[in-house]
Amino acid sequence: MKYQLRATWLVALLCALGIMLSACGGPYEWKGGAVNPPATAPDFTLTTSDGQPWTLSQQRGKVVALFFGYTYCPDVCPTTLSDLSKVSKQLGGDADNFEVAFVTVDPERDTPERMQKYVKGFNTAFVGLTGTQEELQKVYKAYGVYVEKQDMPNSALKYTVNHTGLIYTVDPAGKMKVLFRPDMTVDDMVSDTRQLFAQGAA
């Protein structure tokens, strides 16, 4: 009987240690696409939908989620912004330092007024960014963003824009360590975002 009790106690102890080691040991595994090695995010300045300059390097201390899209986008853009709004809500108090910046790939139609109404419809804290074609092209190139205008002569929209669907995340120190894919769950994005806060504060 004593042997059985000791054996049971030992198994319980080993299980507890295993849980602790699992929780505390080893590096964090990113749910999104890891950037190896981590790189400093290219700095840029664009204009917010209310006409103010917005510079990436001035957002230090925050986790910034950069997403490139356009207001007439029928699918990936509204879905992604909706997911990012859910991420923000799940972050609780950290949401104040979670900046979502929506960079237009269609400046011809995305006027400041339209951008303002569009992004605030998902979350009032989100920022819509635009600029001249030259300014935007420099940002697309710096981040490797694919943008291609596709004519739709039989549509009232006239054209659509094919573009990269990744979310470029920047940690509080200005580093890119992970990219969010369009197919990621909200919970996985929340997990990676919390890790970016933790590593950026370390």
N, C-alpha and C. Protein backbone atom coordinates (compact mmCIF):
# COMPACT_ATOMS: atom_id res chain seq x y z
N MET A 1 0.82 -1.20 0.00
CA MET A 1 0.00 0.00 0.00
C MET A 1 0.87 1.26 0.00
N LYS A 2 1.90 1.28 0.86
CA LYS A 2 2.79 2.44 0.90
C LYS A 2 3.49 2.63 -0.44
N TYR A 3 3.86 1.50 -1.08
CA TYR A 3 4.54 1.58 -2.38
C TYR A 3 3.62 2.19 -3.42
N GLN A 4 2.34 1.79 -3.39
CA GLN A 4 1.39 2.31 -4.35
C GLN A 4 1.18 3.81 -4.15
N LEU A 5 1.10 4.21 -2.88
CA LEU A 5 0.92 5.63 -2.60
C LEU A 5 2.12 6.44 -3.06
N ARG A 6 3.32 5.91 -2.79
CA ARG A 6 4.53 6.61 -3.22
C ARG A 6 4.60 6.69 -4.74
N ALA A 7 4.21 5.59 -5.41
CA ALA A 7 4.24 5.57 -6.87
C ALA A 7 3.26 6.59 -7.44
N THR A 8 2.07 6.64 -6.84
CA THR A 8 1.06 7.60 -7.30
C THR A 8 1.54 9.02 -7.09
N TRP A 9 2.14 9.28 -5.94
CA TRP A 9 2.66 10.62 -5.64
C TRP A 9 3.76 11.01 -6.62
N LEU A 10 4.63 10.02 -6.94
CA LEU A 10 5.74 10.28 -7.86
C LEU A 10 5.23 10.60 -9.25
N VAL A 11 4.22 9.85 -9.70
CA VAL A 11 3.64 10.12 -11.02
C VAL A 11 3.03 11.51 -11.07
N ALA A 12 2.33 11.87 -10.01
CA ALA A 12 1.71 13.20 -9.95
C ALA A 12 2.77 14.30 -9.99
N LEU A 13 3.87 14.09 -9.27
CA LEU A 13 4.95 15.06 -9.24
C LEU A 13 5.59 15.22 -10.61
N LEU A 14 5.83 14.08 -11.29
CA LEU A 14 6.43 14.12 -12.61
C LEU A 14 5.52 14.82 -13.62
N CYS A 15 4.21 14.55 -13.50
CA CYS A 15 3.25 15.21 -14.38
C CYS A 15 3.27 16.72 -14.16
N ALA A 16 3.31 17.13 -12.89
CA ALA A 16 3.34 18.56 -12.57
C ALA A 16 4.59 19.22 -13.12
N LEU A 17 5.73 18.53 -12.96
CA LEU A 17 6.99 19.06 -13.50
C LEU A 17 6.93 19.15 -15.01
N GLY A 18 6.32 18.15 -15.62
CA GLY A 18 6.20 18.16 -17.08
C GLY A 18 5.39 19.34 -17.57
N ILE A 19 4.30 19.64 -16.86
CA ILE A 19 3.48 20.79 -17.22
C ILE A 19 4.26 22.08 -17.07
N MET A 20 5.03 22.18 -15.96
CA MET A 20 5.81 23.39 -15.73
C MET A 20 6.88 23.56 -16.79
N LEU A 21 7.55 22.46 -17.13
CA LEU A 21 8.60 22.55 -18.14
C LEU A 21 8.02 22.90 -19.50
N SER A 22 6.85 22.34 -19.79
CA SER A 22 6.20 22.63 -21.06
C SER A 22 5.81 24.09 -21.15
N ALA A 23 5.34 24.63 -20.01
CA ALA A 23 4.88 26.01 -20.00
C ALA A 23 6.03 27.01 -19.98
N CYS A 24 7.12 26.65 -19.30
CA CYS A 24 8.19 27.62 -19.07
C CYS A 24 9.41 27.41 -19.96
N GLY A 25 9.61 26.21 -20.44
CA GLY A 25 10.84 25.93 -21.18
C GLY A 25 10.67 26.10 -22.68
N GLY A 26 11.78 26.37 -23.35
CA GLY A 26 11.79 26.43 -24.81
C GLY A 26 11.29 27.76 -25.35
N PRO A 27 11.71 28.08 -26.57
CA PRO A 27 11.29 29.34 -27.18
C PRO A 27 9.84 29.31 -27.64
N TYR A 28 9.26 30.47 -27.72
CA TYR A 28 7.88 30.57 -28.19
C TYR A 28 7.83 30.21 -29.68
N GLU A 29 6.82 29.46 -30.07
CA GLU A 29 6.64 29.10 -31.47
C GLU A 29 5.56 30.00 -32.06
N TRP A 30 5.96 30.82 -33.03
CA TRP A 30 5.02 31.75 -33.65
C TRP A 30 3.91 30.99 -34.38
N LYS A 31 2.70 31.51 -34.25
CA LYS A 31 1.57 30.94 -34.98
C LYS A 31 1.57 31.43 -36.43
N GLY A 32 2.06 32.64 -36.64
CA GLY A 32 2.17 33.18 -37.99
C GLY A 32 3.51 32.81 -38.62
N GLY A 33 3.87 33.50 -39.68
CA GLY A 33 5.14 33.23 -40.36
C GLY A 33 6.28 33.98 -39.71
N ALA A 34 7.22 33.25 -39.14
CA ALA A 34 8.35 33.88 -38.44
C ALA A 34 9.28 34.58 -39.43
N VAL A 35 9.78 35.73 -39.03
CA VAL A 35 10.77 36.46 -39.81
C VAL A 35 12.14 36.14 -39.23
N ASN A 36 12.94 35.41 -39.97
CA ASN A 36 14.27 35.00 -39.49
C ASN A 36 15.36 35.49 -40.43
N PRO A 37 16.31 36.28 -39.90
CA PRO A 37 16.28 36.86 -38.55
C PRO A 37 15.31 38.04 -38.49
N PRO A 38 14.88 38.41 -37.28
CA PRO A 38 14.01 39.60 -37.16
C PRO A 38 14.70 40.81 -37.79
N ALA A 39 13.89 41.67 -38.42
CA ALA A 39 14.44 42.82 -39.12
C ALA A 39 13.77 44.10 -38.65
N THR A 40 14.52 45.19 -38.68
CA THR A 40 13.92 46.48 -38.37
C THR A 40 12.94 46.85 -39.48
N ALA A 41 11.73 47.20 -39.10
CA ALA A 41 10.71 47.55 -40.09
C ALA A 41 11.10 48.83 -40.81
N PRO A 42 11.04 48.85 -42.15
CA PRO A 42 11.37 50.07 -42.88
C PRO A 42 10.49 51.23 -42.45
N ASP A 43 11.12 52.34 -42.16
CA ASP A 43 10.36 53.51 -41.70
C ASP A 43 9.72 54.22 -42.89
N PHE A 44 8.61 54.90 -42.61
CA PHE A 44 7.95 55.68 -43.66
C PHE A 44 7.00 56.67 -43.01
N THR A 45 6.62 57.66 -43.78
CA THR A 45 5.61 58.63 -43.34
C THR A 45 4.53 58.72 -44.40
N LEU A 46 3.28 58.53 -44.01
CA LEU A 46 2.14 58.72 -44.89
C LEU A 46 1.15 59.65 -44.19
N THR A 47 0.00 59.85 -44.78
CA THR A 47 -0.97 60.80 -44.25
C THR A 47 -2.23 60.06 -43.79
N THR A 48 -2.69 60.39 -42.58
CA THR A 48 -3.90 59.77 -42.07
C THR A 48 -5.12 60.32 -42.80
N SER A 49 -6.24 59.64 -42.60
CA SER A 49 -7.47 60.06 -43.29
C SER A 49 -7.99 61.41 -42.80
N ASP A 50 -7.47 61.88 -41.65
CA ASP A 50 -7.86 63.23 -41.20
C ASP A 50 -6.76 64.26 -41.47
N GLY A 51 -5.82 63.90 -42.37
CA GLY A 51 -4.85 64.86 -42.87
C GLY A 51 -3.59 65.05 -42.05
N GLN A 52 -3.35 64.17 -41.06
CA GLN A 52 -2.18 64.30 -40.21
C GLN A 52 -1.06 63.35 -40.67
N PRO A 53 0.21 63.77 -40.53
CA PRO A 53 1.31 62.86 -40.87
C PRO A 53 1.39 61.72 -39.87
N TRP A 54 1.70 60.53 -40.36
CA TRP A 54 1.83 59.34 -39.52
C TRP A 54 3.14 58.67 -39.88
N THR A 55 4.04 58.57 -38.90
CA THR A 55 5.37 58.00 -39.13
C THR A 55 5.52 56.73 -38.31
N LEU A 56 5.95 55.65 -38.95
CA LEU A 56 6.04 54.37 -38.26
C LEU A 56 6.97 54.43 -37.05
N SER A 57 8.14 55.03 -37.19
CA SER A 57 9.11 55.05 -36.09
C SER A 57 8.61 55.81 -34.87
N GLN A 58 7.58 56.63 -35.04
CA GLN A 58 7.01 57.36 -33.91
C GLN A 58 5.99 56.53 -33.13
N GLN A 59 5.78 55.30 -33.58
CA GLN A 59 4.84 54.41 -32.89
C GLN A 59 5.55 53.46 -31.93
N ARG A 60 6.83 53.70 -31.64
CA ARG A 60 7.58 52.83 -30.74
C ARG A 60 6.87 52.71 -29.40
N GLY A 61 6.92 51.51 -28.84
CA GLY A 61 6.18 51.22 -27.62
C GLY A 61 4.86 50.53 -27.90
N LYS A 62 4.47 50.51 -29.17
CA LYS A 62 3.24 49.85 -29.58
C LYS A 62 3.56 48.64 -30.45
N VAL A 63 2.60 47.72 -30.54
CA VAL A 63 2.63 46.71 -31.59
C VAL A 63 1.80 47.27 -32.74
N VAL A 64 2.41 47.38 -33.90
CA VAL A 64 1.73 47.95 -35.06
C VAL A 64 1.43 46.84 -36.06
N ALA A 65 0.18 46.77 -36.50
CA ALA A 65 -0.22 45.82 -37.54
C ALA A 65 -0.48 46.60 -38.82
N LEU A 66 0.40 46.42 -39.80
CA LEU A 66 0.27 47.10 -41.08
C LEU A 66 -0.45 46.18 -42.07
N PHE A 67 -1.54 46.67 -42.62
CA PHE A 67 -2.29 45.89 -43.61
C PHE A 67 -2.53 46.75 -44.84
N PHE A 68 -2.21 46.20 -46.00
CA PHE A 68 -2.35 46.93 -47.26
C PHE A 68 -3.61 46.45 -47.98
N GLY A 69 -4.50 47.39 -48.31
CA GLY A 69 -5.74 47.01 -48.98
C GLY A 69 -6.45 48.24 -49.53
N TYR A 70 -7.74 48.08 -49.82
CA TYR A 70 -8.49 49.21 -50.37
C TYR A 70 -9.96 49.09 -50.00
N THR A 71 -10.65 50.20 -50.00
CA THR A 71 -12.00 50.25 -49.47
C THR A 71 -13.03 49.55 -50.35
N TYR A 72 -12.73 49.36 -51.63
CA TYR A 72 -13.65 48.66 -52.52
C TYR A 72 -13.38 47.16 -52.56
N CYS A 73 -12.45 46.68 -51.76
CA CYS A 73 -12.08 45.26 -51.71
C CYS A 73 -13.30 44.44 -51.29
N PRO A 74 -13.64 43.39 -52.03
CA PRO A 74 -14.86 42.64 -51.73
C PRO A 74 -14.72 41.53 -50.69
N ASP A 75 -13.49 41.14 -50.36
CA ASP A 75 -13.37 39.95 -49.52
C ASP A 75 -12.30 40.05 -48.43
N VAL A 76 -11.02 39.92 -48.81
CA VAL A 76 -9.97 39.78 -47.80
C VAL A 76 -9.83 41.03 -46.90
N CYS A 77 -10.05 42.21 -47.46
CA CYS A 77 -9.87 43.43 -46.64
C CYS A 77 -10.89 43.55 -45.52
N PRO A 78 -12.19 43.48 -45.81
CA PRO A 78 -13.14 43.58 -44.70
C PRO A 78 -13.03 42.44 -43.70
N THR A 79 -12.71 41.23 -44.20
CA THR A 79 -12.55 40.09 -43.30
C THR A 79 -11.38 40.30 -42.36
N THR A 80 -10.25 40.77 -42.92
CA THR A 80 -9.05 40.98 -42.12
C THR A 80 -9.24 42.09 -41.09
N LEU A 81 -9.82 43.20 -41.50
CA LEU A 81 -10.04 44.31 -40.56
C LEU A 81 -11.01 43.91 -39.46
N SER A 82 -12.01 43.10 -39.81
CA SER A 82 -12.93 42.60 -38.79
C SER A 82 -12.20 41.72 -37.78
N ASP A 83 -11.32 40.86 -38.28
CA ASP A 83 -10.53 40.00 -37.38
C ASP A 83 -9.61 40.83 -36.49
N LEU A 84 -8.97 41.84 -37.07
CA LEU A 84 -8.07 42.68 -36.28
C LEU A 84 -8.83 43.45 -35.20
N SER A 85 -10.06 43.81 -35.48
CA SER A 85 -10.88 44.47 -34.46
C SER A 85 -11.17 43.51 -33.31
N LYS A 86 -11.40 42.24 -33.64
CA LYS A 86 -11.62 41.23 -32.60
C LYS A 86 -10.34 41.02 -31.78
N VAL A 87 -9.19 41.04 -32.46
CA VAL A 87 -7.91 40.92 -31.76
C VAL A 87 -7.77 42.05 -30.75
N SER A 88 -8.05 43.26 -31.20
CA SER A 88 -7.94 44.43 -30.33
C SER A 88 -8.82 44.28 -29.09
N LYS A 89 -10.03 43.80 -29.27
CA LYS A 89 -10.95 43.65 -28.13
C LYS A 89 -10.44 42.59 -27.16
N GLN A 90 -9.86 41.50 -27.70
CA GLN A 90 -9.38 40.43 -26.84
C GLN A 90 -8.10 40.81 -26.08
N LEU A 91 -7.41 41.82 -26.55
CA LEU A 91 -6.17 42.23 -25.88
C LEU A 91 -6.43 42.98 -24.58
N GLY A 92 -7.65 43.41 -24.36
CA GLY A 92 -7.97 44.10 -23.12
C GLY A 92 -7.20 45.39 -22.97
N GLY A 93 -6.51 45.55 -21.86
CA GLY A 93 -5.76 46.77 -21.59
C GLY A 93 -4.63 47.03 -22.56
N ASP A 94 -4.10 45.97 -23.18
CA ASP A 94 -3.01 46.14 -24.16
C ASP A 94 -3.50 46.76 -25.46
N ALA A 95 -4.80 46.80 -25.66
CA ALA A 95 -5.35 47.34 -26.91
C ALA A 95 -4.96 48.79 -27.13
N ASP A 96 -4.72 49.52 -26.04
CA ASP A 96 -4.33 50.93 -26.16
C ASP A 96 -2.99 51.07 -26.89
N ASN A 97 -2.18 50.03 -26.84
CA ASN A 97 -0.88 50.06 -27.51
C ASN A 97 -0.82 49.09 -28.70
N PHE A 98 -1.99 48.81 -29.25
CA PHE A 98 -2.09 47.98 -30.46
C PHE A 98 -2.62 48.86 -31.58
N GLU A 99 -1.74 49.19 -32.53
CA GLU A 99 -2.07 50.14 -33.60
C GLU A 99 -2.29 49.40 -34.92
N VAL A 100 -3.49 49.50 -35.47
CA VAL A 100 -3.78 48.92 -36.78
C VAL A 100 -3.76 50.04 -37.81
N ALA A 101 -2.88 49.93 -38.79
CA ALA A 101 -2.75 50.93 -39.84
C ALA A 101 -3.09 50.30 -41.19
N PHE A 102 -4.12 50.81 -41.82
CA PHE A 102 -4.62 50.31 -43.11
C PHE A 102 -4.08 51.21 -44.21
N VAL A 103 -3.15 50.67 -45.00
CA VAL A 103 -2.48 51.45 -46.06
C VAL A 103 -3.16 51.17 -47.39
N THR A 104 -3.63 52.20 -48.07
CA THR A 104 -4.37 52.00 -49.31
C THR A 104 -3.47 51.53 -50.46
N VAL A 105 -4.02 50.66 -51.29
CA VAL A 105 -3.35 50.29 -52.54
C VAL A 105 -4.15 50.86 -53.72
N ASP A 106 -5.10 51.73 -53.40
CA ASP A 106 -5.98 52.32 -54.41
C ASP A 106 -6.21 53.80 -54.11
N PRO A 107 -5.14 54.61 -54.14
CA PRO A 107 -5.29 56.02 -53.77
C PRO A 107 -6.20 56.81 -54.71
N GLU A 108 -6.40 56.29 -55.91
CA GLU A 108 -7.26 56.97 -56.89
C GLU A 108 -8.70 57.08 -56.38
N ARG A 109 -9.18 56.03 -55.73
CA ARG A 109 -10.56 56.04 -55.23
C ARG A 109 -10.65 56.22 -53.73
N ASP A 110 -9.59 55.84 -53.01
CA ASP A 110 -9.62 55.92 -51.54
C ASP A 110 -9.30 57.33 -51.08
N THR A 111 -10.29 58.20 -51.15
CA THR A 111 -10.13 59.56 -50.67
C THR A 111 -10.02 59.55 -49.14
N PRO A 112 -9.47 60.60 -48.57
CA PRO A 112 -9.38 60.66 -47.10
C PRO A 112 -10.74 60.46 -46.43
N GLU A 113 -11.78 61.06 -47.00
CA GLU A 113 -13.11 60.95 -46.40
C GLU A 113 -13.61 59.50 -46.43
N ARG A 114 -13.38 58.83 -47.57
CA ARG A 114 -13.82 57.44 -47.69
C ARG A 114 -13.00 56.53 -46.77
N MET A 115 -11.70 56.77 -46.70
CA MET A 115 -10.84 55.97 -45.82
C MET A 115 -11.27 56.12 -44.36
N GLN A 116 -11.56 57.36 -43.97
CA GLN A 116 -11.96 57.63 -42.59
C GLN A 116 -13.22 56.84 -42.23
N LYS A 117 -14.23 56.93 -43.08
CA LYS A 117 -15.48 56.23 -42.82
C LYS A 117 -15.29 54.73 -42.82
N TYR A 118 -14.45 54.24 -43.72
CA TYR A 118 -14.25 52.79 -43.87
C TYR A 118 -13.56 52.18 -42.65
N VAL A 119 -12.40 52.71 -42.28
CA VAL A 119 -11.64 52.08 -41.19
C VAL A 119 -12.33 52.26 -39.84
N LYS A 120 -12.95 53.42 -39.63
CA LYS A 120 -13.63 53.66 -38.35
C LYS A 120 -14.87 52.78 -38.21
N GLY A 121 -15.38 52.28 -39.34
CA GLY A 121 -16.51 51.37 -39.29
C GLY A 121 -16.15 50.04 -38.66
N PHE A 122 -14.87 49.68 -38.69
CA PHE A 122 -14.41 48.44 -38.07
C PHE A 122 -13.97 48.67 -36.63
N ASN A 123 -13.26 49.77 -36.42
CA ASN A 123 -12.78 50.09 -35.07
C ASN A 123 -12.38 51.56 -35.07
N THR A 124 -12.88 52.30 -34.13
CA THR A 124 -12.62 53.75 -34.11
C THR A 124 -11.16 54.08 -33.87
N ALA A 125 -10.38 53.11 -33.38
CA ALA A 125 -8.96 53.36 -33.12
C ALA A 125 -8.09 53.08 -34.35
N PHE A 126 -8.64 52.45 -35.37
CA PHE A 126 -7.85 52.12 -36.55
C PHE A 126 -7.48 53.38 -37.33
N VAL A 127 -6.34 53.30 -38.02
CA VAL A 127 -5.84 54.45 -38.78
C VAL A 127 -5.80 54.09 -40.26
N GLY A 128 -6.36 54.96 -41.09
CA GLY A 128 -6.27 54.79 -42.53
C GLY A 128 -5.16 55.67 -43.08
N LEU A 129 -4.29 55.11 -43.92
CA LEU A 129 -3.14 55.86 -44.43
C LEU A 129 -3.16 55.92 -45.95
N THR A 130 -2.84 57.11 -46.46
CA THR A 130 -2.74 57.30 -47.90
C THR A 130 -1.59 58.26 -48.20
N GLY A 131 -1.39 58.56 -49.47
CA GLY A 131 -0.30 59.44 -49.87
C GLY A 131 -0.28 59.57 -51.38
N THR A 132 0.75 60.18 -51.90
CA THR A 132 0.89 60.26 -53.35
C THR A 132 1.29 58.89 -53.89
N GLN A 133 1.14 58.72 -55.20
CA GLN A 133 1.55 57.46 -55.81
C GLN A 133 3.02 57.18 -55.54
N GLU A 134 3.85 58.21 -55.61
CA GLU A 134 5.28 58.04 -55.37
C GLU A 134 5.56 57.61 -53.93
N GLU A 135 4.90 58.26 -52.98
CA GLU A 135 5.09 57.90 -51.56
C GLU A 135 4.65 56.46 -51.29
N LEU A 136 3.50 56.10 -51.83
CA LEU A 136 2.97 54.76 -51.61
C LEU A 136 3.83 53.69 -52.27
N GLN A 137 4.30 53.97 -53.49
CA GLN A 137 5.13 52.99 -54.20
C GLN A 137 6.40 52.68 -53.42
N LYS A 138 6.96 53.67 -52.75
CA LYS A 138 8.16 53.45 -51.94
C LYS A 138 7.86 52.51 -50.77
N VAL A 139 6.69 52.67 -50.17
CA VAL A 139 6.31 51.81 -49.05
C VAL A 139 6.04 50.39 -49.55
N TYR A 140 5.32 50.26 -50.67
CA TYR A 140 5.07 48.93 -51.23
C TYR A 140 6.39 48.20 -51.49
N LYS A 141 7.33 48.92 -52.09
CA LYS A 141 8.62 48.31 -52.43
C LYS A 141 9.39 47.91 -51.17
N ALA A 142 9.37 48.76 -50.16
CA ALA A 142 10.11 48.49 -48.92
C ALA A 142 9.60 47.23 -48.23
N TYR A 143 8.29 46.98 -48.34
CA TYR A 143 7.70 45.83 -47.66
C TYR A 143 7.41 44.65 -48.60
N GLY A 144 7.79 44.80 -49.84
CA GLY A 144 7.58 43.71 -50.79
C GLY A 144 6.11 43.44 -51.07
N VAL A 145 5.31 44.50 -51.06
CA VAL A 145 3.86 44.36 -51.27
C VAL A 145 3.55 44.33 -52.77
N TYR A 146 2.81 43.31 -53.16
CA TYR A 146 2.38 43.15 -54.55
C TYR A 146 1.08 43.93 -54.77
N VAL A 147 1.08 44.80 -55.78
CA VAL A 147 -0.11 45.59 -56.12
C VAL A 147 -0.29 45.57 -57.63
N GLU A 148 -1.45 45.12 -58.09
CA GLU A 148 -1.72 45.09 -59.53
C GLU A 148 -3.16 45.47 -59.81
N LYS A 149 -3.33 46.50 -60.60
CA LYS A 149 -4.66 46.96 -61.00
C LYS A 149 -5.19 46.06 -62.11
N GLN A 150 -6.42 45.61 -61.97
CA GLN A 150 -7.02 44.74 -62.97
C GLN A 150 -8.33 45.36 -63.46
N ASP A 151 -8.35 45.70 -64.76
CA ASP A 151 -9.53 46.36 -65.34
C ASP A 151 -10.74 45.43 -65.36
N MET A 152 -11.90 46.04 -65.10
CA MET A 152 -13.18 45.33 -65.16
C MET A 152 -14.15 46.19 -65.98
N PRO A 153 -13.99 46.17 -67.31
CA PRO A 153 -14.76 47.09 -68.17
C PRO A 153 -16.27 46.91 -68.10
N ASN A 154 -16.73 45.73 -67.73
CA ASN A 154 -18.17 45.47 -67.67
C ASN A 154 -18.76 45.66 -66.28
N SER A 155 -17.96 46.21 -65.38
CA SER A 155 -18.41 46.42 -64.01
C SER A 155 -18.48 47.91 -63.69
N ALA A 156 -19.41 48.27 -62.82
CA ALA A 156 -19.52 49.66 -62.39
C ALA A 156 -18.30 50.11 -61.61
N LEU A 157 -17.55 49.15 -61.04
CA LEU A 157 -16.34 49.49 -60.29
C LEU A 157 -15.18 49.87 -61.19
N LYS A 158 -15.25 49.48 -62.47
CA LYS A 158 -14.23 49.79 -63.48
C LYS A 158 -12.95 48.95 -63.33
N TYR A 159 -12.51 48.76 -62.10
CA TYR A 159 -11.31 47.95 -61.89
C TYR A 159 -11.27 47.42 -60.46
N THR A 160 -10.47 46.38 -60.28
CA THR A 160 -10.19 45.86 -58.94
C THR A 160 -8.68 45.91 -58.74
N VAL A 161 -8.22 45.63 -57.54
CA VAL A 161 -6.78 45.67 -57.25
C VAL A 161 -6.37 44.38 -56.56
N ASN A 162 -5.50 43.63 -57.22
CA ASN A 162 -4.92 42.45 -56.59
C ASN A 162 -3.76 42.90 -55.70
N HIS A 163 -3.69 42.36 -54.50
CA HIS A 163 -2.65 42.84 -53.57
C HIS A 163 -2.28 41.77 -52.56
N THR A 164 -1.13 41.95 -51.93
CA THR A 164 -0.66 41.07 -50.87
C THR A 164 -1.63 41.11 -49.70
N GLY A 165 -1.94 39.93 -49.14
CA GLY A 165 -2.90 39.87 -48.04
C GLY A 165 -2.29 39.69 -46.67
N LEU A 166 -0.96 39.75 -46.57
CA LEU A 166 -0.30 39.58 -45.28
C LEU A 166 -0.48 40.80 -44.37
N ILE A 167 -0.40 40.55 -43.08
CA ILE A 167 -0.36 41.63 -42.09
C ILE A 167 1.06 41.69 -41.55
N TYR A 168 1.71 42.86 -41.71
CA TYR A 168 3.09 43.04 -41.26
C TYR A 168 3.06 43.58 -39.84
N THR A 169 3.52 42.79 -38.88
CA THR A 169 3.48 43.22 -37.49
C THR A 169 4.84 43.73 -37.04
N VAL A 170 4.81 44.83 -36.31
CA VAL A 170 6.02 45.49 -35.82
C VAL A 170 5.95 45.55 -34.31
N ASP A 171 7.00 45.05 -33.63
CA ASP A 171 6.96 45.01 -32.17
C ASP A 171 7.28 46.38 -31.56
N PRO A 172 7.16 46.54 -30.25
CA PRO A 172 7.38 47.86 -29.62
C PRO A 172 8.77 48.45 -29.86
N ALA A 173 9.74 47.60 -30.22
CA ALA A 173 11.10 48.10 -30.48
C ALA A 173 11.32 48.39 -31.96
N GLY A 174 10.27 48.23 -32.79
CA GLY A 174 10.40 48.52 -34.21
C GLY A 174 10.88 47.35 -35.04
N LYS A 175 10.82 46.13 -34.51
CA LYS A 175 11.28 44.94 -35.22
C LYS A 175 10.11 44.15 -35.81
N MET A 176 10.34 43.57 -36.98
CA MET A 176 9.40 42.62 -37.56
C MET A 176 9.87 41.22 -37.24
N LYS A 177 9.04 40.47 -36.51
CA LYS A 177 9.40 39.11 -36.11
C LYS A 177 8.43 38.06 -36.66
N VAL A 178 7.24 38.51 -37.03
CA VAL A 178 6.23 37.56 -37.50
C VAL A 178 5.27 38.28 -38.46
N LEU A 179 4.80 37.54 -39.45
CA LEU A 179 3.79 38.03 -40.38
C LEU A 179 2.51 37.24 -40.16
N PHE A 180 1.40 37.94 -40.09
CA PHE A 180 0.11 37.26 -39.94
C PHE A 180 -0.43 36.90 -41.32
N ARG A 181 -0.86 35.65 -41.47
CA ARG A 181 -1.45 35.20 -42.73
C ARG A 181 -2.96 35.44 -42.70
N PRO A 182 -3.59 35.58 -43.88
CA PRO A 182 -5.04 35.80 -43.91
C PRO A 182 -5.84 34.66 -43.31
N ASP A 183 -5.28 33.44 -43.28
CA ASP A 183 -6.03 32.29 -42.77
C ASP A 183 -5.82 32.06 -41.27
N MET A 184 -5.10 32.93 -40.58
CA MET A 184 -4.88 32.76 -39.15
C MET A 184 -6.15 33.01 -38.36
N THR A 185 -6.30 32.28 -37.26
CA THR A 185 -7.43 32.52 -36.39
C THR A 185 -7.17 33.75 -35.53
N VAL A 186 -8.24 34.32 -35.02
CA VAL A 186 -8.11 35.47 -34.12
C VAL A 186 -7.31 35.09 -32.88
N ASP A 187 -7.57 33.92 -32.33
CA ASP A 187 -6.85 33.48 -31.13
C ASP A 187 -5.34 33.38 -31.38
N ASP A 188 -4.96 32.89 -32.56
CA ASP A 188 -3.53 32.79 -32.88
C ASP A 188 -2.90 34.17 -33.03
N MET A 189 -3.63 35.10 -33.62
CA MET A 189 -3.11 36.46 -33.75
C MET A 189 -2.97 37.13 -32.38
N VAL A 190 -3.92 36.86 -31.51
CA VAL A 190 -3.84 37.41 -30.14
C VAL A 190 -2.62 36.84 -29.43
N SER A 191 -2.40 35.53 -29.57
CA SER A 191 -1.25 34.88 -28.93
C SER A 191 0.06 35.49 -29.41
N ASP A 192 0.22 35.64 -30.72
CA ASP A 192 1.45 36.22 -31.27
C ASP A 192 1.60 37.68 -30.86
N THR A 193 0.51 38.42 -30.83
CA THR A 193 0.57 39.84 -30.44
C THR A 193 1.02 39.98 -28.99
N ARG A 194 0.49 39.15 -28.11
CA ARG A 194 0.92 39.20 -26.71
C ARG A 194 2.41 38.88 -26.59
N GLN A 195 2.89 37.96 -27.42
CA GLN A 195 4.31 37.61 -27.40
C GLN A 195 5.14 38.79 -27.90
N LEU A 196 4.65 39.51 -28.90
CA LEU A 196 5.38 40.69 -29.38
C LEU A 196 5.48 41.75 -28.29
N PHE A 197 4.41 41.92 -27.51
CA PHE A 197 4.48 42.84 -26.37
C PHE A 197 5.52 42.38 -25.36
N ALA A 198 5.51 41.08 -25.07
CA ALA A 198 6.42 40.54 -24.06
C ALA A 198 7.87 40.66 -24.50
N GLN A 199 8.16 40.33 -25.76
CA GLN A 199 9.53 40.41 -26.25
C GLN A 199 9.99 41.84 -26.43
N GLY A 200 9.06 42.70 -26.82
CA GLY A 200 9.42 44.10 -27.02
C GLY A 200 9.74 44.82 -25.74
N ALA A 201 9.14 44.31 -24.64
CA ALA A 201 9.38 44.92 -23.32
C ALA A 201 10.60 44.34 -22.64
N ALA A 202 11.12 43.22 -23.19
CA ALA A 202 12.24 42.55 -22.53
C ALA A 202 13.54 43.32 -22.74
